[in-house]
Amino acid sequence: MKTLGVLMLDTRFPRGVGDIGNPGTFDFPVHYKTVHGASPQRVVRERDPALLQPFIDAGRALVAEGASAITTSCGFLVLFQEELQAALPVPVWTSSLLLLKDLPHCGVVTVDAASLGADHLRAAGACVDTPIEGITAGSAFQQTLLHDLPMLDTHDALLQVVGAAQRLLARHPTLTDIVLECTNMPPYAESVRRATGVRVHDITTLIGERFHAPPH
């Protein structure tokens, strides 16, 4: 059976079923490799280029352990997509943002709208004017994820993700699809679907589409 390798940020916050960091999210083998020192701050807000080589090294270790594809635990790592794919001999899907180029009427819900920019969209092969909406700055959910706190308020997380999606559609009512950038948001995807009536995509749906797809 094929094995998925997941490059993990160095975090401690809780990860429920649906989160990419919980092996119960998947019905196939998953191997995890933490990239030590890769904090959410360094990846999301600092975009630290010094982390590229540690991610490549961890990816090679996962391939050596039998991983047949590689993904990550943070959508902002799309900035490393080209380099990681060039360095690794298996498919690499750094981010759900890679779905955008095939979704012409789509917007993004992200953990930090102030940090997600045109360079991330270009790295994903998406239009740089793709609409983006973030969860509330300073909210409990954002604080947990960006400051790696040990407690997760799942009720606030649900309200934040659904609220951001509703704000996105209020600004852009013609959207037919939403991509959840954050790999901690899939547990709330169904609630977003019910609240908005549009199609919702995330890192787990990307993996579901591509992991068992036949090679081209």
C-alpha atoms as a PDB file:
ATOM      1  CA  MET A   1       0.000   0.000   0.000  1.00  0.00           C
ATOM      2  CA  LYS A   2       1.212   3.499  -0.861  1.00  0.00           C
ATOM      3  CA  THR A   3       2.438   5.671   1.995  1.00  0.00           C
ATOM      4  CA  LEU A   4       2.019   9.421   2.306  1.00  0.00           C
ATOM      5  CA  GLY A   5       4.852  11.418   3.852  1.00  0.00           C
ATOM      6  CA  VAL A   6       3.963  14.586   5.756  1.00  0.00           C
ATOM      7  CA  LEU A   7       6.529  17.293   6.491  1.00  0.00           C
ATOM      8  CA  MET A   8       5.430  18.763   9.823  1.00  0.00           C
ATOM      9  CA  LEU A   9       6.088  22.168  11.310  1.00  0.00           C
ATOM     10  CA  ASP A  10       7.600  22.050  14.774  1.00  0.00           C
ATOM     11  CA  THR A  11       4.392  22.506  16.809  1.00  0.00           C
ATOM     12  CA  ARG A  12       2.609  21.261  19.921  1.00  0.00           C
ATOM     13  CA  PHE A  13      -0.977  22.483  19.485  1.00  0.00           C
ATOM     14  CA  PRO A  14      -3.757  19.839  19.451  1.00  0.00           C
ATOM     15  CA  ARG A  15      -4.674  18.191  16.154  1.00  0.00           C
ATOM     16  CA  GLY A  16      -8.069  16.496  15.934  1.00  0.00           C
ATOM     17  CA  VAL A  17      -9.284  14.084  13.292  1.00  0.00           C
ATOM     18  CA  GLY A  18      -9.439  15.971   9.998  1.00  0.00           C
ATOM     19  CA  ASP A  19      -6.224  17.864  10.716  1.00  0.00           C
ATOM     20  CA  ILE A  20      -3.356  16.695   8.529  1.00  0.00           C
ATOM     21  CA  GLY A  21      -1.279  16.027  11.645  1.00  0.00           C
ATOM     22  CA  ASN A  22      -3.686  13.380  12.951  1.00  0.00           C
ATOM     23  CA  PRO A  23      -3.125   9.953  11.350  1.00  0.00           C
ATOM     24  CA  GLY A  24      -6.796   9.147  11.965  1.00  0.00           C
ATOM     25  CA  THR A  25      -7.617  11.624   9.197  1.00  0.00           C
ATOM     26  CA  PHE A  26      -6.496   9.098   6.584  1.00  0.00           C
ATOM     27  CA  ASP A  27      -7.429   5.535   5.680  1.00  0.00           C
ATOM     28  CA  PHE A  28      -3.945   4.697   4.378  1.00  0.00           C
ATOM     29  CA  PRO A  29      -0.448   4.699   5.916  1.00  0.00           C
ATOM     30  CA  VAL A  30       1.027   8.086   6.787  1.00  0.00           C
ATOM     31  CA  HIS A  31       4.587   8.816   7.913  1.00  0.00           C
ATOM     32  CA  TYR A  32       5.385  12.081   9.677  1.00  0.00           C
ATOM     33  CA  LYS A  33       8.671  13.946   9.888  1.00  0.00           C
ATOM     34  CA  THR A  34       8.999  17.087  12.010  1.00  0.00           C
ATOM     35  CA  VAL A  35      11.289  19.794  10.671  1.00  0.00           C
ATOM     36  CA  HIS A  36      12.834  20.988  13.907  1.00  0.00           C
ATOM     37  CA  GLY A  37      12.920  24.745  14.296  1.00  0.00           C
ATOM     38  CA  ALA A  38      10.244  25.277  11.646  1.00  0.00           C
ATOM     39  CA  SER A  39       7.886  27.270  13.839  1.00  0.00           C
ATOM     40  CA  PRO A  40       4.673  28.808  12.479  1.00  0.00           C
ATOM     41  CA  GLN A  41       6.210  32.244  12.936  1.00  0.00           C
ATOM     42  CA  ARG A  42       9.269  31.385  10.843  1.00  0.00           C
ATOM     43  CA  VAL A  43       7.164  29.828   8.084  1.00  0.00           C
ATOM     44  CA  VAL A  44       4.077  32.061   7.958  1.00  0.00           C
ATOM     45  CA  ARG A  45       5.302  35.497   8.955  1.00  0.00           C
ATOM     46  CA  GLU A  46       9.063  35.442   8.457  1.00  0.00           C
ATOM     47  CA  ARG A  47       9.129  33.222   5.322  1.00  0.00           C
ATOM     48  CA  ASP A  48      12.580  32.121   6.434  1.00  0.00           C
ATOM     49  CA  PRO A  49      14.518  30.806   3.396  1.00  0.00           C
ATOM     50  CA  ALA A  50      16.968  29.049   5.719  1.00  0.00           C
ATOM     51  CA  LEU A  51      14.254  26.436   6.304  1.00  0.00           C
ATOM     52  CA  LEU A  52      14.309  25.165   2.715  1.00  0.00           C
ATOM     53  CA  GLN A  53      17.235  22.778   3.151  1.00  0.00           C
ATOM     54  CA  PRO A  54      15.864  21.250   6.372  1.00  0.00           C
ATOM     55  CA  PHE A  55      12.569  20.594   4.553  1.00  0.00           C
ATOM     56  CA  ILE A  56      14.433  18.995   1.642  1.00  0.00           C
ATOM     57  CA  ASP A  57      16.427  16.825   4.053  1.00  0.00           C
ATOM     58  CA  ALA A  58      13.288  15.733   5.895  1.00  0.00           C
ATOM     59  CA  GLY A  59      11.562  15.003   2.584  1.00  0.00           C
ATOM     60  CA  ARG A  60      14.444  12.804   1.475  1.00  0.00           C
ATOM     61  CA  ALA A  61      14.250  10.954   4.779  1.00  0.00           C
ATOM     62  CA  LEU A  62      10.529  10.294   4.237  1.00  0.00           C
ATOM     63  CA  VAL A  63      11.204   8.999   0.719  1.00  0.00           C
ATOM     64  CA  ALA A  64      13.908   6.721   2.124  1.00  0.00           C
ATOM     65  CA  GLU A  65      11.303   5.389   4.560  1.00  0.00           C
ATOM     66  CA  GLY A  66       9.003   4.518   1.663  1.00  0.00           C
ATOM     67  CA  ALA A  67       6.845   7.598   1.130  1.00  0.00           C
ATOM     68  CA  SER A  68       5.398   7.629  -2.379  1.00  0.00           C
ATOM     69  CA  ALA A  69       4.218  11.261  -2.166  1.00  0.00           C
ATOM     70  CA  ILE A  70       5.011  14.213   0.091  1.00  0.00           C
ATOM     71  CA  THR A  71       2.781  16.904   1.550  1.00  0.00           C
ATOM     72  CA  THR A  72       3.166  19.416   4.381  1.00  0.00           C
ATOM     73  CA  SER A  73       1.370  20.729   7.441  1.00  0.00           C
ATOM     74  CA  CYS A  74       1.289  24.387   6.338  1.00  0.00           C
ATOM     75  CA  GLY A  75      -0.167  25.927   3.195  1.00  0.00           C
ATOM     76  CA  PHE A  76       2.364  28.767   3.301  1.00  0.00           C
ATOM     77  CA  LEU A  77       5.043  26.253   2.330  1.00  0.00           C
ATOM     78  CA  VAL A  78       3.828  26.611  -1.246  1.00  0.00           C
ATOM     79  CA  LEU A  79       6.767  29.021  -1.498  1.00  0.00           C
ATOM     80  CA  PHE A  80       8.999  25.926  -1.427  1.00  0.00           C
ATOM     81  CA  GLN A  81       6.926  23.950  -3.953  1.00  0.00           C
ATOM     82  CA  GLU A  82       9.261  24.255  -6.920  1.00  0.00           C
ATOM     83  CA  GLU A  83      12.422  23.566  -4.940  1.00  0.00           C
ATOM     84  CA  LEU A  84      11.001  20.617  -3.015  1.00  0.00           C
ATOM     85  CA  GLN A  85       9.609  19.017  -6.146  1.00  0.00           C
ATOM     86  CA  ALA A  86      12.940  19.436  -7.906  1.00  0.00           C
ATOM     87  CA  ALA A  87      14.794  17.854  -4.984  1.00  0.00           C
ATOM     88  CA  LEU A  88      12.493  14.869  -4.376  1.00  0.00           C
ATOM     89  CA  PRO A  89      11.755  11.924  -6.689  1.00  0.00           C
ATOM     90  CA  VAL A  90       8.066  11.619  -5.734  1.00  0.00           C
ATOM     91  CA  PRO A  91       5.072  13.947  -6.182  1.00  0.00           C
ATOM     92  CA  VAL A  92       5.112  16.917  -3.790  1.00  0.00           C
ATOM     93  CA  TRP A  93       1.968  18.803  -2.792  1.00  0.00           C
ATOM     94  CA  THR A  94       3.025  21.519  -0.403  1.00  0.00           C
ATOM     95  CA  SER A  95      -0.325  23.277  -0.133  1.00  0.00           C
ATOM     96  CA  SER A  96      -4.028  23.229  -0.913  1.00  0.00           C
ATOM     97  CA  LEU A  97      -3.341  26.463  -2.818  1.00  0.00           C
ATOM     98  CA  LEU A  98      -2.134  24.240  -5.678  1.00  0.00           C
ATOM     99  CA  LEU A  99      -5.823  23.569  -6.379  1.00  0.00           C
ATOM    100  CA  LEU A 100      -6.493  27.197  -7.304  1.00  0.00           C
ATOM    101  CA  LYS A 101      -5.229  27.040 -10.874  1.00  0.00           C
ATOM    102  CA  ASP A 102      -8.008  24.564 -11.731  1.00  0.00           C
ATOM    103  CA  LEU A 103     -10.781  26.504  -9.934  1.00  0.00           C
ATOM    104  CA  PRO A 104     -11.580  29.678 -11.908  1.00  0.00           C
ATOM    105  CA  HIS A 105     -14.141  31.165  -9.505  1.00  0.00           C
ATOM    106  CA  CYS A 106     -12.447  30.450  -6.212  1.00  0.00           C
ATOM    107  CA  GLY A 107     -11.344  32.336  -3.125  1.00  0.00           C
ATOM    108  CA  VAL A 108      -9.089  31.472  -0.200  1.00  0.00           C
ATOM    109  CA  VAL A 109      -9.668  31.350   3.550  1.00  0.00           C
ATOM    110  CA  THR A 110      -6.366  31.593   5.423  1.00  0.00           C
ATOM    111  CA  VAL A 111      -5.022  31.674   8.948  1.00  0.00           C
ATOM    112  CA  ASP A 112      -3.295  35.014   8.307  1.00  0.00           C
ATOM    113  CA  ALA A 113      -4.459  37.252   5.468  1.00  0.00           C
ATOM    114  CA  ALA A 114      -1.759  39.808   6.223  1.00  0.00           C
ATOM    115  CA  SER A 115       0.941  37.234   5.445  1.00  0.00           C
ATOM    116  CA  LEU A 116      -0.558  35.476   2.414  1.00  0.00           C
ATOM    117  CA  GLY A 117       0.457  37.401  -0.685  1.00  0.00           C
ATOM    118  CA  ALA A 118       0.901  37.395  -4.415  1.00  0.00           C
ATOM    119  CA  ASP A 119       4.149  35.432  -4.174  1.00  0.00           C
ATOM    120  CA  HIS A 120       2.299  32.510  -2.584  1.00  0.00           C
ATOM    121  CA  LEU A 121      -0.342  32.632  -5.321  1.00  0.00           C
ATOM    122  CA  ARG A 122       2.306  32.729  -8.046  1.00  0.00           C
ATOM    123  CA  ALA A 123       4.079  29.762  -6.484  1.00  0.00           C
ATOM    124  CA  ALA A 124       0.783  27.881  -6.633  1.00  0.00           C
ATOM    125  CA  GLY A 125       0.255  28.781 -10.284  1.00  0.00           C
ATOM    126  CA  ALA A 126      -2.807  30.840  -9.344  1.00  0.00           C
ATOM    127  CA  CYS A 127      -3.971  34.312 -10.363  1.00  0.00           C
ATOM    128  CA  VAL A 128      -2.472  36.970  -8.130  1.00  0.00           C
ATOM    129  CA  ASP A 129      -5.870  38.663  -7.772  1.00  0.00           C
ATOM    130  CA  THR A 130      -7.457  35.578  -6.218  1.00  0.00           C
ATOM    131  CA  PRO A 131      -9.714  36.807  -3.376  1.00  0.00           C
ATOM    132  CA  ILE A 132      -8.349  36.121   0.119  1.00  0.00           C
ATOM    133  CA  GLU A 133     -10.053  36.358   3.506  1.00  0.00           C
ATOM    134  CA  GLY A 134      -8.410  35.632   6.831  1.00  0.00           C
ATOM    135  CA  ILE A 135      -9.756  34.559  10.167  1.00  0.00           C
ATOM    136  CA  THR A 136      -9.970  37.379  12.704  1.00  0.00           C
ATOM    137  CA  ALA A 137      -6.535  38.718  13.618  1.00  0.00           C
ATOM    138  CA  GLY A 138      -5.772  37.957  17.244  1.00  0.00           C
ATOM    139  CA  SER A 139      -8.586  35.430  17.601  1.00  0.00           C
ATOM    140  CA  ALA A 140      -8.072  32.427  19.860  1.00  0.00           C
ATOM    141  CA  PHE A 141      -7.756  30.124  16.840  1.00  0.00           C
ATOM    142  CA  GLN A 142      -5.127  32.312  15.191  1.00  0.00           C
ATOM    143  CA  GLN A 143      -3.224  32.700  18.443  1.00  0.00           C
ATOM    144  CA  THR A 144      -3.120  28.933  18.971  1.00  0.00           C
ATOM    145  CA  LEU A 145      -1.817  28.245  15.479  1.00  0.00           C
ATOM    146  CA  LEU A 146       0.645  31.094  15.009  1.00  0.00           C
ATOM    147  CA  HIS A 147       1.982  31.148  18.562  1.00  0.00           C
ATOM    148  CA  ASP A 148       1.818  27.357  19.029  1.00  0.00           C
ATOM    149  CA  LEU A 149      -0.299  27.346  22.175  1.00  0.00           C
ATOM    150  CA  PRO A 150      -1.151  24.050  23.898  1.00  0.00           C
ATOM    151  CA  MET A 151      -4.926  24.660  23.952  1.00  0.00           C
ATOM    152  CA  LEU A 152      -7.320  24.634  20.979  1.00  0.00           C
ATOM    153  CA  ASP A 153     -10.779  26.200  21.318  1.00  0.00           C
ATOM    154  CA  THR A 154     -12.601  24.186  18.657  1.00  0.00           C
ATOM    155  CA  HIS A 155     -15.767  26.288  18.978  1.00  0.00           C
ATOM    156  CA  ASP A 156     -13.843  29.467  18.231  1.00  0.00           C
ATOM    157  CA  ALA A 157     -12.032  27.684  15.398  1.00  0.00           C
ATOM    158  CA  LEU A 158     -15.356  26.716  13.844  1.00  0.00           C
ATOM    159  CA  LEU A 159     -16.723  30.252  14.163  1.00  0.00           C
ATOM    160  CA  GLN A 160     -13.538  31.742  12.720  1.00  0.00           C
ATOM    161  CA  VAL A 161     -13.389  29.521   9.633  1.00  0.00           C
ATOM    162  CA  VAL A 162     -17.099  29.788   8.846  1.00  0.00           C
ATOM    163  CA  GLY A 163     -17.081  33.535   9.504  1.00  0.00           C
ATOM    164  CA  ALA A 164     -14.133  34.105   7.188  1.00  0.00           C
ATOM    165  CA  ALA A 165     -15.843  32.119   4.434  1.00  0.00           C
ATOM    166  CA  GLN A 166     -19.020  34.142   4.839  1.00  0.00           C
ATOM    167  CA  ARG A 167     -17.091  37.420   4.666  1.00  0.00           C
ATOM    168  CA  LEU A 168     -15.292  36.205   1.558  1.00  0.00           C
ATOM    169  CA  LEU A 169     -18.588  35.433  -0.181  1.00  0.00           C
ATOM    170  CA  ALA A 170     -20.117  38.703   0.947  1.00  0.00           C
ATOM    171  CA  ARG A 171     -17.295  40.520  -0.858  1.00  0.00           C
ATOM    172  CA  HIS A 172     -17.288  38.160  -3.852  1.00  0.00           C
ATOM    173  CA  PRO A 173     -20.771  36.639  -4.242  1.00  0.00           C
ATOM    174  CA  THR A 174     -19.997  35.002  -7.606  1.00  0.00           C
ATOM    175  CA  LEU A 175     -17.455  32.576  -6.130  1.00  0.00           C
ATOM    176  CA  THR A 176     -18.326  28.906  -6.589  1.00  0.00           C
ATOM    177  CA  ASP A 177     -15.439  27.396  -4.615  1.00  0.00           C
ATOM    178  CA  ILE A 178     -13.410  28.081  -1.489  1.00  0.00           C
ATOM    179  CA  VAL A 179      -9.969  26.692  -0.708  1.00  0.00           C
ATOM    180  CA  LEU A 180      -8.977  26.449   2.945  1.00  0.00           C
ATOM    181  CA  GLU A 181      -5.263  27.284   3.014  1.00  0.00           C
ATOM    182  CA  CYS A 182      -4.632  26.083   6.541  1.00  0.00           C
ATOM    183  CA  THR A 183      -4.145  22.358   7.117  1.00  0.00           C
ATOM    184  CA  ASN A 184      -5.797  22.713  10.529  1.00  0.00           C
ATOM    185  CA  MET A 185      -9.084  23.844   8.940  1.00  0.00           C
ATOM    186  CA  PRO A 186     -10.402  20.627   7.294  1.00  0.00           C
ATOM    187  CA  PRO A 187     -12.348  19.624  10.447  1.00  0.00           C
ATOM    188  CA  TYR A 188     -14.572  22.667   9.783  1.00  0.00           C
ATOM    189  CA  ALA A 189     -14.955  22.244   6.010  1.00  0.00           C
ATOM    190  CA  GLU A 190     -18.387  20.616   6.150  1.00  0.00           C
ATOM    191  CA  SER A 191     -19.680  23.450   8.332  1.00  0.00           C
ATOM    192  CA  VAL A 192     -18.388  25.935   5.746  1.00  0.00           C
ATOM    193  CA  ARG A 193     -20.202  24.016   2.996  1.00  0.00           C
ATOM    194  CA  ARG A 194     -23.459  24.108   4.926  1.00  0.00           C
ATOM    195  CA  ALA A 195     -23.109  27.798   5.782  1.00  0.00           C
ATOM    196  CA  THR A 196     -22.166  28.992   2.305  1.00  0.00           C
ATOM    197  CA  GLY A 197     -23.538  26.494  -0.206  1.00  0.00           C
ATOM    198  CA  VAL A 198     -20.314  26.497  -2.226  1.00  0.00           C
ATOM    199  CA  ARG A 199     -17.770  23.781  -2.828  1.00  0.00           C
ATOM    200  CA  VAL A 200     -15.000  23.668  -0.227  1.00  0.00           C
ATOM    201  CA  HIS A 201     -11.515  22.265  -0.786  1.00  0.00           C
ATOM    202  CA  ASP A 202      -8.542  21.745   1.524  1.00  0.00           C
ATOM    203  CA  ILE A 203      -5.315  19.778   1.790  1.00  0.00           C
ATOM    204  CA  THR A 204      -7.182  16.543   2.534  1.00  0.00           C
ATOM    205  CA  THR A 205      -9.364  16.853  -0.560  1.00  0.00           C
ATOM    206  CA  LEU A 206      -6.261  17.550  -2.658  1.00  0.00           C
ATOM    207  CA  ILE A 207      -4.628  14.415  -1.268  1.00  0.00           C
ATOM    208  CA  GLY A 208      -7.814  12.447  -1.844  1.00  0.00           C
ATOM    209  CA  GLU A 209      -7.854  13.478  -5.504  1.00  0.00           C
ATOM    210  CA  ARG A 210      -4.185  12.932  -6.244  1.00  0.00           C
ATOM    211  CA  PHE A 211      -2.735  10.307  -3.948  1.00  0.00           C
ATOM    212  CA  HIS A 212      -4.379   7.322  -5.611  1.00  0.00           C
ATOM    213  CA  ALA A 213      -4.720   8.882  -9.058  1.00  0.00           C
ATOM    214  CA  PRO A 214      -2.971   6.973 -11.858  1.00  0.00           C
ATOM    215  CA  PRO A 215       0.184   8.657 -13.181  1.00  0.00           C
ATOM    216  CA  HIS A 216      -0.171  10.696 -16.362  1.00  0.00           C
END
